[in-house]
């Protein structure tokens, strides 16, 4: 291995010396083959701490610990809410950065259709005229077994300040949810297992390419899949809401 590195790394490179020192100090273990195969099966490359494992069980514990530490670090990352929903007071709940009084919540325009085939052309684009659509704030519900098209706008001062987007949504028998940012389809959700409850997920990093400085348009199409029940436009069983978040880049978090 060292001989293979010598032709491609400068002779005085400290990494070459460090690799040689590791090889001189290292000792073979009876189960090295098993450890290597376990690492391959797990789809990981062994780091310095992983190479210290004495057994496959040790390796698994080390990897689980690292995964837990990485997950804990992710939870501490800073997310900003781009489309806050309305805070509905209750004894157990308090307002937050993603739930604000009605006058501060994101304003949506929406229309209810029988099928998505009836959607007007260009409805996901920033320049679409939705002035004759109904204005509302989330959460909201609509006629059962119908499609709802939603549009809202939000402002971003510096898109480079963020490194990831995610959504959180309360669904009540929703299916076939399509999410567009400035006319670009950034996510689609089908076969939602929960009849009622919160779903959330991070978008692929490519979704950030659709984000721009200044005004942004978020458009959503979703189908209320329940055929029987109350035919009412009031918020039924907490209705439906959708909130978009942007994660602050690590460089800005360190400042």
Protein backbone atom coordinates (compact mmCIF):
# COMPACT_ATOMS: atom_id res chain seq x y z
CA UNK A 1 0.00 0.00 0.00
CA UNK A 2 2.79 2.43 0.92
CA UNK A 3 4.61 1.59 -2.29
CA UNK A 4 1.52 2.55 -4.28
CA UNK A 5 1.35 5.94 -2.58
CA UNK A 6 5.02 6.85 -3.13
CA UNK A 7 4.76 7.64 -6.88
CA UNK A 8 1.75 9.97 -6.44
CA UNK A 9 2.64 11.80 -3.19
CA UNK A 10 5.65 14.05 -2.69
CA UNK A 11 8.49 12.41 -0.78
CA UNK A 12 8.41 15.03 1.99
CA UNK A 13 4.61 15.01 2.33
CA UNK A 14 3.77 14.52 6.06
CA UNK A 15 0.84 12.30 5.14
CA UNK A 16 3.22 9.75 3.64
CA UNK A 17 5.30 9.71 6.80
CA UNK A 18 2.18 9.35 8.95
CA UNK A 19 0.96 6.42 6.86
CA UNK A 20 4.32 4.69 7.23
CA UNK A 21 4.25 5.20 10.99
CA UNK A 22 0.77 3.69 11.22
CA UNK A 23 1.89 0.65 9.25
CA UNK A 24 4.94 0.13 11.47
CA UNK A 25 2.90 0.35 14.66
CA UNK A 26 -0.06 -1.63 13.41
CA UNK A 27 -0.65 -5.25 14.28
CA UNK A 28 -2.71 -7.85 12.54
CA UNK A 29 -5.83 -9.22 14.17
CA UNK A 30 -7.34 -12.62 13.68
CA UNK A 31 -10.66 -11.15 12.61
CA UNK A 32 -9.39 -8.39 10.29
CA UNK A 33 -11.09 -10.01 7.33
CA UNK A 34 -14.44 -10.10 9.15
CA UNK A 35 -14.05 -6.44 10.19
CA UNK A 36 -13.26 -5.41 6.65
CA UNK A 37 -16.23 -7.31 5.27
CA UNK A 38 -18.50 -5.81 7.95
CA UNK A 39 -17.34 -2.31 7.00
CA UNK A 40 -17.96 -2.99 3.34
CA UNK A 41 -21.41 -4.36 4.08
CA UNK A 42 -22.24 -1.24 6.12
CA UNK A 43 -21.09 0.93 3.23
CA UNK A 44 -18.50 2.85 5.25
CA UNK A 45 -14.80 3.53 5.05
CA UNK A 46 -12.94 2.87 8.27
CA UNK A 47 -11.53 5.90 10.03
CA UNK A 48 -8.82 5.95 12.66
CA UNK A 49 -11.24 5.22 15.50
CA UNK A 50 -12.97 2.46 13.54
CA UNK A 51 -9.66 0.74 12.88
CA UNK A 52 -9.24 0.33 16.63
CA UNK A 53 -12.22 -2.02 16.85
CA UNK A 54 -11.33 -5.45 18.17
CA UNK A 55 -14.41 -7.18 16.76
CA UNK A 56 -17.31 -6.72 14.41
CA UNK A 57 -19.48 -5.83 17.42
CA UNK A 58 -16.98 -3.12 18.42
CA UNK A 59 -17.04 -1.73 14.91
CA UNK A 60 -20.84 -1.63 14.93
CA UNK A 61 -20.88 0.19 18.28
CA UNK A 62 -18.34 2.75 17.07
CA UNK A 63 -20.35 3.40 13.92
CA UNK A 64 -23.59 3.72 15.87
CA UNK A 65 -21.96 6.18 18.26
CA UNK A 66 -20.66 8.28 15.38
CA UNK A 67 -24.08 8.24 13.71
CA UNK A 68 -25.74 9.35 16.97
CA UNK A 69 -23.21 12.18 17.39
CA UNK A 70 -23.79 13.31 13.81
CA UNK A 71 -27.57 13.24 14.33
CA UNK A 72 -27.23 15.26 17.54
CA UNK A 73 -25.10 17.83 15.72
CA UNK A 74 -27.71 18.09 12.97
CA UNK A 75 -30.46 18.79 15.51
CA UNK A 76 -28.47 21.79 16.74
CA UNK A 77 -28.34 23.35 13.29
CA UNK A 78 -30.28 26.59 12.85
CA UNK A 79 -33.39 26.55 10.66
CA UNK A 80 -35.28 29.65 9.59
CA UNK A 81 -39.00 29.51 8.78
CA UNK A 82 -39.85 31.03 5.39
CA UNK A 83 -43.64 30.49 5.42
CA UNK A 84 -44.98 30.55 9.01
CA UNK A 85 -48.50 29.27 9.62
CA UNK A 86 -51.09 30.74 11.95
CA UNK A 87 -50.73 30.10 15.66
CA UNK A 88 -54.01 28.80 17.05
CA UNK A 89 -54.04 29.32 20.84
CA UNK A 90 -54.57 26.34 23.11
CA UNK A 91 -53.80 25.46 26.70
CA UNK A 92 -50.90 23.22 25.71
CA UNK A 93 -49.42 25.22 22.87
CA UNK A 94 -47.31 28.35 22.55
CA UNK A 95 -46.43 30.49 19.53
CA UNK A 96 -43.07 29.89 17.89
CA UNK A 97 -40.96 31.10 14.98
CA UNK A 98 -42.97 28.85 12.63
CA UNK A 99 -46.39 29.69 14.14
CA UNK A 100 -47.32 33.34 14.37
CA UNK A 101 -50.45 35.45 14.88
CA UNK A 102 -52.70 35.56 11.81
CA UNK A 103 -51.53 39.01 10.70
CA UNK A 104 -47.91 37.76 10.60
CA UNK A 105 -48.50 34.33 9.05
CA UNK A 106 -47.84 33.58 5.37
CA UNK A 107 -50.68 34.64 3.10
CA UNK A 108 -51.73 31.99 0.61
CA UNK A 109 -53.92 32.16 -2.47
CA UNK A 110 -55.82 28.98 -3.31
CA UNK A 111 -58.40 27.45 -5.61
CA UNK A 112 -60.27 24.14 -5.33
CA UNK A 113 -60.69 21.92 -8.39
CA UNK A 114 -62.25 18.54 -9.08
CA UNK A 115 -59.13 17.26 -10.86
CA UNK A 116 -55.65 18.56 -11.53
CA UNK A 117 -56.39 18.48 -15.25
CA UNK A 118 -58.40 21.64 -14.61
CA UNK A 119 -55.38 23.52 -13.24
CA UNK A 120 -54.71 26.74 -15.19
CA UNK A 121 -51.55 26.89 -17.28
CA UNK A 122 -48.50 28.39 -15.59
CA UNK A 123 -50.07 28.35 -12.11
CA UNK A 124 -46.75 27.35 -10.48
CA UNK A 125 -44.81 30.25 -12.04
CA UNK A 126 -43.95 33.47 -10.14
CA UNK A 127 -45.66 35.68 -12.71
CA UNK A 128 -49.01 33.88 -12.64
CA UNK A 129 -52.01 36.10 -11.83
CA UNK A 130 -53.79 34.55 -8.82
CA UNK A 131 -55.64 37.71 -7.81
CA UNK A 132 -59.04 36.06 -8.30
CA UNK A 133 -58.11 33.08 -6.06
CA UNK A 134 -59.26 33.00 -2.44
CA UNK A 135 -56.83 34.37 0.16
CA UNK A 136 -56.26 32.30 3.29
CA UNK A 137 -53.70 31.35 5.90
CA UNK A 138 -52.80 27.82 6.95
CA UNK A 139 -54.17 25.57 8.38
CA UNK A 140 -57.12 25.12 6.04
CA UNK A 141 -59.43 22.43 4.68
CA UNK A 142 -61.63 22.18 1.59
CA UNK A 143 -64.23 20.02 -0.13
CA UNK A 144 -63.53 16.31 0.23
CA UNK A 145 -62.02 14.38 -2.66
CA UNK A 146 -60.99 17.61 -4.40
CA UNK A 147 -57.68 19.13 -5.49
CA UNK A 148 -56.42 22.35 -3.91
CA UNK A 149 -53.80 24.57 -5.53
CA UNK A 150 -51.89 26.90 -3.21
CA UNK A 151 -49.53 29.80 -3.87
CA UNK A 152 -47.61 32.07 -1.52
CA UNK A 153 -44.58 34.34 -1.71
CA UNK A 154 -41.69 34.98 0.67
CA UNK A 155 -38.55 37.09 0.53
CA UNK A 156 -34.92 35.95 0.83
CA UNK A 157 -32.15 38.50 1.39
CA UNK A 158 -29.24 36.17 0.55
CA UNK A 159 -29.87 32.68 -0.82
CA UNK A 160 -26.21 31.75 -0.21
CA UNK A 161 -26.89 32.02 3.52
CA UNK A 162 -28.67 28.63 3.37
CA UNK A 163 -27.42 25.15 2.61
CA UNK A 164 -30.61 23.05 2.76
CA UNK A 165 -34.41 23.28 2.53
CA UNK A 166 -37.00 21.15 4.28
CA UNK A 167 -40.74 21.11 4.77
CA UNK A 168 -43.14 20.24 7.55
CA UNK A 169 -46.79 19.61 6.87
CA UNK A 170 -49.88 18.63 8.81
CA UNK A 171 -51.97 16.39 6.58
CA UNK A 172 -55.55 15.20 6.80
CA UNK A 173 -56.06 12.43 4.25
CA UNK A 174 -53.79 14.06 1.68
CA UNK A 175 -52.29 12.36 -1.36
CA UNK A 176 -50.30 13.33 -4.44
CA UNK A 177 -48.65 16.44 -3.00
CA UNK A 178 -46.51 18.33 -5.53
CA UNK A 179 -44.24 21.17 -4.36
CA UNK A 180 -42.90 23.86 -6.69
CA UNK A 181 -40.41 26.62 -5.94
CA UNK A 182 -40.36 29.43 -8.51
CA UNK A 183 -41.93 27.08 -11.06
CA UNK A 184 -39.47 24.22 -10.42
CA UNK A 185 -40.78 20.92 -9.06
CA UNK A 186 -38.63 20.31 -5.95
CA UNK A 187 -40.59 17.50 -4.31
CA UNK A 188 -43.48 15.09 -4.69
CA UNK A 189 -45.15 13.05 -1.95
CA UNK A 190 -47.32 10.05 -2.73
CA UNK A 191 -48.85 7.29 -0.62
CA UNK A 192 -48.78 9.16 2.68
CA UNK A 193 -49.21 6.47 5.33
CA UNK A 194 -50.70 8.72 7.98
CA UNK A 195 -54.35 9.57 7.56
CA UNK A 196 -53.80 12.47 9.94
CA UNK A 197 -50.53 13.73 11.36
CA UNK A 198 -47.30 15.62 10.72
CA UNK A 199 -44.96 14.69 7.90
CA UNK A 200 -41.59 16.31 7.26
CA UNK A 201 -38.51 15.76 5.16
CA UNK A 202 -35.47 17.49 3.75
CA UNK A 203 -35.36 18.31 0.06
CA UNK A 204 -32.41 17.26 -2.05
CA UNK A 205 -29.67 19.89 -2.19
CA UNK A 206 -30.61 20.58 -5.81
CA UNK A 207 -33.78 22.29 -4.52
CA UNK A 208 -31.60 25.21 -3.39
CA UNK A 209 -30.90 26.00 -7.04
CA UNK A 210 -34.52 27.13 -7.37
CA UNK A 211 -34.22 29.57 -4.45
CA UNK A 212 -33.35 33.14 -5.40
CA UNK A 213 -32.64 36.48 -3.79
CA UNK A 214 -35.70 38.67 -3.43
CA UNK A 215 -39.26 37.43 -3.91
CA UNK A 216 -39.86 33.68 -4.20
CA UNK A 217 -43.05 31.81 -5.11
CA UNK A 218 -43.99 28.54 -3.42
CA UNK A 219 -46.79 26.58 -5.11
CA UNK A 220 -48.40 23.36 -3.90
CA UNK A 221 -50.99 21.00 -5.33
CA UNK A 222 -52.56 18.39 -3.06
CA UNK A 223 -55.60 16.12 -3.12
CA UNK A 224 -57.99 15.63 -0.24
CA UNK A 225 -58.49 11.87 -0.67
CA UNK A 226 -61.39 11.30 1.75
CA UNK A 227 -64.63 10.72 -0.13
CA UNK A 228 -67.08 10.87 2.76
CA UNK A 229 -67.44 13.28 5.66
CA UNK A 230 -68.20 16.91 6.37
CA UNK A 231 -68.48 19.06 3.25
CA UNK A 232 -67.18 22.26 4.76
CA UNK A 233 -64.47 24.84 4.17
CA UNK A 234 -63.80 25.27 7.87
CA UNK A 235 -60.68 23.71 9.35
CA UNK A 236 -61.69 20.10 9.85
CA UNK A 237 -59.52 17.82 11.99
CA UNK A 238 -56.79 20.50 11.92
CA UNK A 239 -57.01 20.67 8.13
CA UNK A 240 -53.83 21.00 6.07
CA UNK A 241 -50.79 23.21 6.44
CA UNK A 242 -47.39 23.49 4.82
CA UNK A 243 -44.29 25.22 6.17
CA UNK A 244 -40.99 25.72 4.34
CA UNK A 245 -37.70 25.99 6.26
CA UNK A 246 -34.16 26.94 5.21
CA UNK A 247 -31.08 25.82 7.13
CA UNK A 248 -28.42 28.41 7.91
CA UNK A 249 -25.03 27.44 6.48
CA UNK A 250 -22.39 26.21 8.90
CA UNK A 251 -20.09 29.12 8.06
CA UNK A 252 -22.72 31.63 9.22
CA UNK A 253 -23.52 29.57 12.34
CA UNK A 254 -19.87 29.80 13.44
CA UNK A 255 -19.91 33.61 13.30
